């Protein structure tokens, strides 16, 4: 690609791309967005559609004109800045996700204390970080993860660029560091606190990797339907229950049918909960990797991450519309 065309692409902010158009716009920098309390997080990428036609550029008279067909065949608008390195890497225009299009909300509902925490950050132009932590036994562990999870992910990125491996290392490292930190306090109650953790990393507006422990769910909107990105870590899962039992723990069910580890904890993986680590409660996340950007899709792409309590009786809902309606009627969000 010629320097002249590269500079045109670099200058793009909000872009209108036409078969006979010129690239022009303005840049709008993003900043990290922390939040003290969180119930759900949403990430959106504008839809992109395909059509026919191409425009040829040969600004340096090289005899090798650049065509829009080199990037794929596009409709007349992409309402986001273009990520140039990613576009070159994947051979198609890749829109940059703006943090201004990421929203969150949290409502304590009927509870006395909101123990949910959120962190949103842009590591650099091509890597975004979204995390939700739903604390239990107090907000201390969720607060710690909100503050330090990002640091451990950055450290892991210096050693490996595989986001799945990075998340696994960061989860285990933050759990280890938390234990060391809590041991400085002579307060046993800190060792019984814990949190779920669901972290989504979006690289190049294209590669989405989600890691989680606990039961805070992430779903992805795909053509109006909800695709699950996480699995609940609860004693109801046979593989999770067997690990607890092999480690010397046991599972009980309360009066409403909820399974608990040693009668205390409704999840089999978490950060914290050090009083149950010896019986198989672990901090290693399960991860999932997928392509977040689908060419031709009208809904590229919406992620919703929600603590379990907010799903209520609607936890098996599969439609994004129904899910949104259920949030509005849920007692957790009232």
Protein backbone atom coordinates (compact mmCIF):
# COMPACT_ATOMS: atom_id res chain seq x y z
CA UNK A 1 0.00 0.00 0.00
CA UNK A 2 1.35 3.41 -0.94
CA UNK A 3 2.28 6.04 1.68
CA UNK A 4 -0.35 8.44 0.34
CA UNK A 5 -3.18 5.94 0.77
CA UNK A 6 -1.86 4.88 4.18
CA UNK A 7 -1.97 8.48 5.36
CA UNK A 8 -5.52 8.87 4.07
CA UNK A 9 -6.57 5.80 6.05
CA UNK A 10 -4.73 6.97 9.16
CA UNK A 11 -6.62 10.24 9.14
CA UNK A 12 -9.97 8.48 9.25
CA UNK A 13 -12.27 9.21 12.16
CA UNK A 14 -15.95 8.77 11.33
CA UNK A 15 -15.70 7.42 7.82
CA UNK A 16 -17.94 7.35 4.78
CA UNK A 17 -16.61 4.82 2.27
CA UNK A 18 -18.08 4.85 -1.23
CA UNK A 19 -17.19 3.07 -4.44
CA UNK A 20 -16.41 6.51 -5.86
CA UNK A 21 -15.66 8.22 -2.58
CA UNK A 22 -12.66 9.68 -0.84
CA UNK A 23 -11.56 8.72 2.66
CA UNK A 24 -11.85 11.66 5.02
CA UNK A 25 -12.74 12.28 8.64
CA UNK A 26 -11.32 13.19 12.00
CA UNK A 27 -9.89 11.21 14.87
CA UNK A 28 -11.44 10.96 18.31
CA UNK A 29 -9.22 9.42 21.02
CA UNK A 30 -10.63 7.03 23.56
CA UNK A 31 -9.79 6.87 27.23
CA UNK A 32 -10.15 4.13 29.80
CA UNK A 33 -13.49 4.08 31.58
CA UNK A 34 -13.51 2.69 35.12
CA UNK A 35 -16.70 2.22 37.09
CA UNK A 36 -17.09 1.49 40.76
CA UNK A 37 -20.26 -0.58 40.45
CA UNK A 38 -21.56 -2.66 37.61
CA UNK A 39 -24.45 -4.88 36.67
CA UNK A 40 -23.96 -5.41 32.95
CA UNK A 41 -21.58 -4.31 30.21
CA UNK A 42 -22.31 -3.89 26.54
CA UNK A 43 -19.96 -3.63 23.59
CA UNK A 44 -21.15 -2.67 20.10
CA UNK A 45 -19.63 -2.66 16.64
CA UNK A 46 -21.68 -1.05 13.90
CA UNK A 47 -23.09 -3.38 11.24
CA UNK A 48 -21.29 -3.63 7.90
CA UNK A 49 -22.94 -4.88 4.71
CA UNK A 50 -21.53 -5.97 1.37
CA UNK A 51 -22.27 -4.84 -2.18
CA UNK A 52 -20.53 -4.83 -5.55
CA UNK A 53 -18.06 -2.48 -7.22
CA UNK A 54 -14.56 -1.13 -6.66
CA UNK A 55 -12.50 2.05 -6.96
CA UNK A 56 -8.90 2.00 -8.17
CA UNK A 57 -6.16 4.18 -6.62
CA UNK A 58 -2.63 4.59 -7.96
CA UNK A 59 -1.37 7.73 -6.17
CA UNK A 60 2.32 6.90 -6.56
CA UNK A 61 2.07 5.80 -10.21
CA UNK A 62 3.46 2.40 -9.29
CA UNK A 63 1.37 0.60 -11.86
CA UNK A 64 -0.18 -1.48 -9.06
CA UNK A 65 -3.36 0.40 -8.17
CA UNK A 66 -5.07 -0.31 -4.86
CA UNK A 67 -8.71 -1.32 -5.16
CA UNK A 68 -11.43 -1.63 -2.56
CA UNK A 69 -11.65 -5.24 -3.71
CA UNK A 70 -8.28 -5.68 -1.96
CA UNK A 71 -10.13 -5.08 1.30
CA UNK A 72 -13.38 -6.86 0.40
CA UNK A 73 -16.45 -5.37 -1.27
CA UNK A 74 -18.39 -2.93 0.86
CA UNK A 75 -21.54 -0.89 1.08
CA UNK A 76 -21.35 2.88 1.16
CA UNK A 77 -20.75 3.49 4.88
CA UNK A 78 -18.61 2.31 7.79
CA UNK A 79 -19.53 4.53 10.72
CA UNK A 80 -16.33 3.91 12.69
CA UNK A 81 -12.66 4.83 12.32
CA UNK A 82 -10.62 2.30 10.37
CA UNK A 83 -7.95 0.23 12.15
CA UNK A 84 -5.23 0.34 9.53
CA UNK A 85 -2.86 -2.43 10.77
CA UNK A 86 -5.82 -4.78 11.34
CA UNK A 87 -7.30 -3.96 7.94
CA UNK A 88 -3.99 -4.84 6.29
CA UNK A 89 -3.67 -8.01 8.39
CA UNK A 90 -7.14 -9.35 7.56
CA UNK A 91 -7.41 -7.89 4.05
CA UNK A 92 -10.64 -6.01 4.75
CA UNK A 93 -11.51 -2.70 6.40
CA UNK A 94 -11.74 -3.32 10.16
CA UNK A 95 -13.67 -0.66 12.14
CA UNK A 96 -12.23 0.54 15.43
CA UNK A 97 -14.55 0.06 18.41
CA UNK A 98 -15.00 3.31 20.28
CA UNK A 99 -15.29 3.18 24.05
CA UNK A 100 -18.02 5.79 23.68
CA UNK A 101 -20.15 2.92 22.36
CA UNK A 102 -19.64 0.81 25.48
CA UNK A 103 -22.30 1.22 28.15
CA UNK A 104 -22.87 -0.12 31.64
CA UNK A 105 -25.35 0.12 34.46
CA UNK A 106 -25.74 -1.27 37.96
CA UNK A 107 -28.68 -1.28 40.33
CA UNK A 108 -28.53 -2.71 43.83
CA UNK A 109 -32.18 -3.79 43.68
CA UNK A 110 -33.39 -5.44 46.88
CA UNK A 111 -29.92 -6.09 48.26
CA UNK A 112 -28.31 -4.02 50.99
CA UNK A 113 -24.96 -3.72 49.23
CA UNK A 114 -23.86 -3.71 45.60
CA UNK A 115 -20.84 -5.99 45.28
CA UNK A 116 -20.57 -5.83 41.47
CA UNK A 117 -17.57 -4.12 39.89
CA UNK A 118 -16.57 -3.20 36.33
CA UNK A 119 -13.44 -2.15 34.51
CA UNK A 120 -13.24 -1.02 30.86
CA UNK A 121 -9.94 -0.02 29.27
CA UNK A 122 -8.16 0.40 25.96
CA UNK A 123 -4.73 -1.24 26.21
CA UNK A 124 -3.80 0.23 22.83
CA UNK A 125 -5.52 1.03 19.54
CA UNK A 126 -6.18 -2.61 18.69
CA UNK A 127 -6.84 -4.19 22.11
CA UNK A 128 -9.80 -3.54 24.41
CA UNK A 129 -10.47 -4.94 27.89
CA UNK A 130 -13.88 -5.46 29.53
CA UNK A 131 -14.29 -7.07 32.94
CA UNK A 132 -17.14 -7.75 35.35
CA UNK A 133 -16.66 -9.00 38.92
CA UNK A 134 -19.62 -10.08 41.07
CA UNK A 135 -18.40 -10.25 44.65
CA UNK A 136 -19.76 -12.31 47.53
CA UNK A 137 -18.97 -12.25 51.22
CA UNK A 138 -18.23 -8.54 50.85
CA UNK A 139 -16.91 -6.39 48.02
CA UNK A 140 -13.23 -6.57 48.97
CA UNK A 141 -12.17 -9.24 46.46
CA UNK A 142 -14.19 -7.68 43.62
CA UNK A 143 -12.54 -4.33 44.42
CA UNK A 144 -9.10 -5.95 44.29
CA UNK A 145 -9.78 -7.58 40.91
CA UNK A 146 -11.20 -4.36 39.50
CA UNK A 147 -7.96 -2.62 40.46
CA UNK A 148 -5.35 -5.27 39.64
CA UNK A 149 -6.66 -7.72 37.01
CA UNK A 150 -5.69 -5.32 34.23
CA UNK A 151 -2.12 -5.13 35.58
CA UNK A 152 -1.70 -8.91 35.55
CA UNK A 153 -3.10 -9.14 32.02
CA UNK A 154 -0.61 -6.51 30.84
CA UNK A 155 2.21 -8.46 32.51
CA UNK A 156 1.11 -11.70 30.83
CA UNK A 157 0.92 -9.97 27.44
CA UNK A 158 4.63 -9.25 27.69
CA UNK A 159 5.30 -13.00 27.67
CA UNK A 160 2.63 -14.32 25.30
CA UNK A 161 0.25 -12.93 22.67
CA UNK A 162 -2.21 -15.83 22.89
CA UNK A 163 -5.12 -14.14 24.67
CA UNK A 164 -6.52 -17.41 26.00
CA UNK A 165 -3.22 -18.25 27.70
CA UNK A 166 -2.87 -14.64 28.84
CA UNK A 167 -6.24 -14.72 30.61
CA UNK A 168 -5.52 -18.05 32.30
CA UNK A 169 -2.19 -16.78 33.63
CA UNK A 170 -3.66 -13.45 34.76
CA UNK A 171 -6.55 -15.08 36.64
CA UNK A 172 -4.21 -17.42 38.51
CA UNK A 173 -1.68 -14.67 39.21
CA UNK A 174 -4.27 -12.23 40.58
CA UNK A 175 -5.67 -15.00 42.81
CA UNK A 176 -2.18 -15.78 44.15
CA UNK A 177 -1.38 -12.10 44.72
CA UNK A 178 -4.72 -11.60 46.48
CA UNK A 179 -3.98 -14.45 48.87
CA UNK A 180 -0.57 -12.98 49.72
CA UNK A 181 -2.20 -9.60 50.27
CA UNK A 182 -4.98 -10.94 52.52
CA UNK A 183 -2.52 -12.88 54.66
CA UNK A 184 -1.12 -9.54 55.78
CA UNK A 185 -4.38 -8.94 57.65
CA UNK A 186 -5.24 -10.92 60.74
CA UNK A 187 -8.88 -11.25 59.71
CA UNK A 188 -10.22 -14.67 58.77
CA UNK A 189 -13.36 -13.14 57.23
CA UNK A 190 -11.30 -11.85 54.31
CA UNK A 191 -10.40 -15.43 53.40
CA UNK A 192 -14.08 -16.34 52.97
CA UNK A 193 -14.80 -13.53 50.49
CA UNK A 194 -14.62 -14.09 46.75
CA UNK A 195 -15.82 -12.98 43.35
CA UNK A 196 -16.78 -14.22 39.94
CA UNK A 197 -14.72 -12.84 37.07
CA UNK A 198 -15.72 -12.53 33.43
CA UNK A 199 -13.20 -10.81 31.18
CA UNK A 200 -13.57 -10.13 27.46
CA UNK A 201 -10.60 -9.08 25.33
CA UNK A 202 -11.24 -7.70 21.84
CA UNK A 203 -8.22 -7.53 19.55
CA UNK A 204 -8.23 -5.87 16.13
CA UNK A 205 -12.03 -5.40 16.49
CA UNK A 206 -12.04 -8.96 15.20
CA UNK A 207 -10.70 -11.53 17.67
CA UNK A 208 -12.81 -11.91 20.80
CA UNK A 209 -11.55 -14.01 23.71
CA UNK A 210 -13.62 -14.43 26.88
CA UNK A 211 -12.40 -15.99 30.12
CA UNK A 212 -14.52 -16.58 33.20
CA UNK A 213 -14.79 -18.18 36.62
CA UNK A 214 -18.07 -18.36 38.48
CA UNK A 215 -21.50 -17.67 37.05
CA UNK A 216 -21.42 -14.16 35.57
CA UNK A 217 -22.54 -14.82 32.02
CA UNK A 218 -21.46 -13.29 28.75
CA UNK A 219 -23.56 -13.54 25.61
CA UNK A 220 -22.97 -12.30 22.07
CA UNK A 221 -25.73 -11.01 19.83
CA UNK A 222 -25.59 -12.72 16.46
CA UNK A 223 -28.39 -12.02 13.97
CA UNK A 224 -30.76 -11.15 16.78
CA UNK A 225 -30.02 -14.27 18.80
CA UNK A 226 -27.97 -14.73 21.95
CA UNK A 227 -24.86 -16.92 21.72
CA UNK A 228 -23.48 -18.02 25.09
CA UNK A 229 -19.81 -17.24 25.56
CA UNK A 230 -19.39 -18.66 29.08
CA UNK A 231 -20.32 -21.75 31.06
CA UNK A 232 -21.54 -21.50 34.65
CA UNK A 233 -19.13 -23.02 37.16
CA UNK A 234 -21.58 -24.56 39.60
CA UNK A 235 -21.85 -27.90 41.42
CA UNK A 236 -24.73 -28.78 39.07
CA UNK A 237 -22.15 -29.50 36.37
CA UNK A 238 -21.02 -33.12 36.65
CA UNK A 239 -17.38 -32.41 35.77
CA UNK A 240 -17.17 -29.56 38.28
CA UNK A 241 -18.88 -31.58 41.02
CA UNK A 242 -16.55 -34.53 40.45
CA UNK A 243 -13.48 -32.31 40.86
CA UNK A 244 -14.81 -31.06 44.19
CA UNK A 245 -15.49 -34.61 45.37
CA UNK A 246 -12.07 -35.89 44.24
CA UNK A 247 -10.49 -33.09 46.28
CA UNK A 248 -12.31 -34.15 49.45
CA UNK A 249 -15.24 -31.75 49.27
CA UNK A 250 -18.94 -32.46 49.09
CA UNK A 251 -22.03 -30.92 47.53
CA UNK A 252 -25.33 -30.20 49.28
CA UNK A 253 -28.61 -28.81 48.00
CA UNK A 254 -30.57 -26.20 49.91
CA UNK A 255 -34.35 -25.93 50.28
CA UNK A 256 -34.78 -24.26 46.89
CA UNK A 257 -32.63 -26.81 45.08
CA UNK A 258 -29.44 -24.76 44.77
CA UNK A 259 -26.26 -26.83 44.91
CA UNK A 260 -23.47 -25.59 47.19
CA UNK A 261 -19.86 -26.62 47.76
CA UNK A 262 -19.56 -27.85 51.36
CA UNK A 263 -22.90 -26.16 51.98
CA UNK A 264 -21.29 -22.72 51.60
CA UNK A 265 -20.56 -21.64 48.02
CA UNK A 266 -22.82 -21.82 44.97
CA UNK A 267 -19.91 -21.91 42.51
CA UNK A 268 -16.96 -24.21 41.89
CA UNK A 269 -14.54 -21.63 40.47
CA UNK A 270 -13.86 -18.16 41.75
CA UNK A 271 -11.17 -15.70 42.70
CA UNK A 272 -10.74 -15.67 46.46
CA UNK A 273 -12.74 -18.10 48.64
CA UNK A 274 -9.43 -19.37 50.01
CA UNK A 275 -11.13 -21.40 52.73
CA UNK A 276 -12.37 -23.72 49.97
CA UNK A 277 -9.31 -23.87 47.72
CA UNK A 278 -8.10 -27.14 49.29
CA UNK A 279 -11.31 -28.93 48.26
CA UNK A 280 -11.24 -28.05 44.58
CA UNK A 281 -12.55 -24.48 44.20
CA UNK A 282 -10.12 -23.11 41.61
CA UNK A 283 -9.38 -19.79 39.92
CA UNK A 284 -8.44 -21.18 36.49
CA UNK A 285 -10.86 -19.79 33.89
CA UNK A 286 -12.48 -21.52 30.96
CA UNK A 287 -11.93 -19.50 27.80
CA UNK A 288 -13.61 -19.18 24.43
CA UNK A 289 -12.27 -17.55 21.27
CA UNK A 290 -14.36 -16.46 18.29
CA UNK A 291 -14.60 -13.99 15.45
CA UNK A 292 -16.52 -10.99 16.78
CA UNK A 293 -16.93 -9.33 13.38
CA UNK A 294 -19.18 -10.96 10.81
CA UNK A 295 -19.22 -9.33 7.40
CA UNK A 296 -22.75 -8.82 6.17
CA UNK A 297 -24.28 -9.00 9.65
CA UNK A 298 -26.62 -6.23 10.78
CA UNK A 299 -25.64 -6.58 14.43
CA UNK A 300 -21.83 -6.66 14.65
CA UNK A 301 -21.57 -7.22 17.59
CA UNK A 302 -23.15 -6.76 20.99
CA UNK A 303 -21.72 -8.39 24.11
CA UNK A 304 -23.71 -8.39 27.34
CA UNK A 305 -22.03 -9.52 30.58
CA UNK A 306 -24.38 -9.94 33.53
CA UNK A 307 -24.05 -11.26 37.10
CA UNK A 308 -26.19 -14.36 37.61
CA UNK A 309 -28.74 -12.75 39.93
CA UNK A 310 -29.87 -10.39 37.19
CA UNK A 311 -30.97 -13.27 34.96
CA UNK A 312 -33.43 -14.57 37.53
CA UNK A 313 -35.98 -17.01 36.14
CA UNK A 314 -35.12 -15.89 32.61
CA UNK A 315 -31.68 -17.51 32.63
CA UNK A 316 -32.51 -19.71 29.63
CA UNK A 317 -33.67 -16.82 27.42
CA UNK A 318 -32.14 -16.99 23.95
CA UNK A 319 -33.39 -13.82 22.28
CA UNK A 320 -31.59 -10.53 22.82
CA UNK A 321 -34.94 -8.70 22.72
CA UNK A 322 -36.44 -10.93 25.39
CA UNK A 323 -33.30 -10.66 27.48
CA UNK A 324 -33.47 -6.85 27.44
CA UNK A 325 -37.15 -6.91 28.33
CA UNK A 326 -36.47 -9.33 31.18
CA UNK A 327 -33.82 -7.00 32.63
CA UNK A 328 -36.40 -4.25 32.89
CA UNK A 329 -38.84 -6.48 34.78
CA UNK A 330 -36.30 -8.22 37.02
CA UNK A 331 -36.40 -7.43 40.73
CA UNK A 332 -32.60 -7.16 40.68
CA UNK A 333 -32.92 -4.17 38.34
CA UNK A 334 -36.03 -2.59 39.88
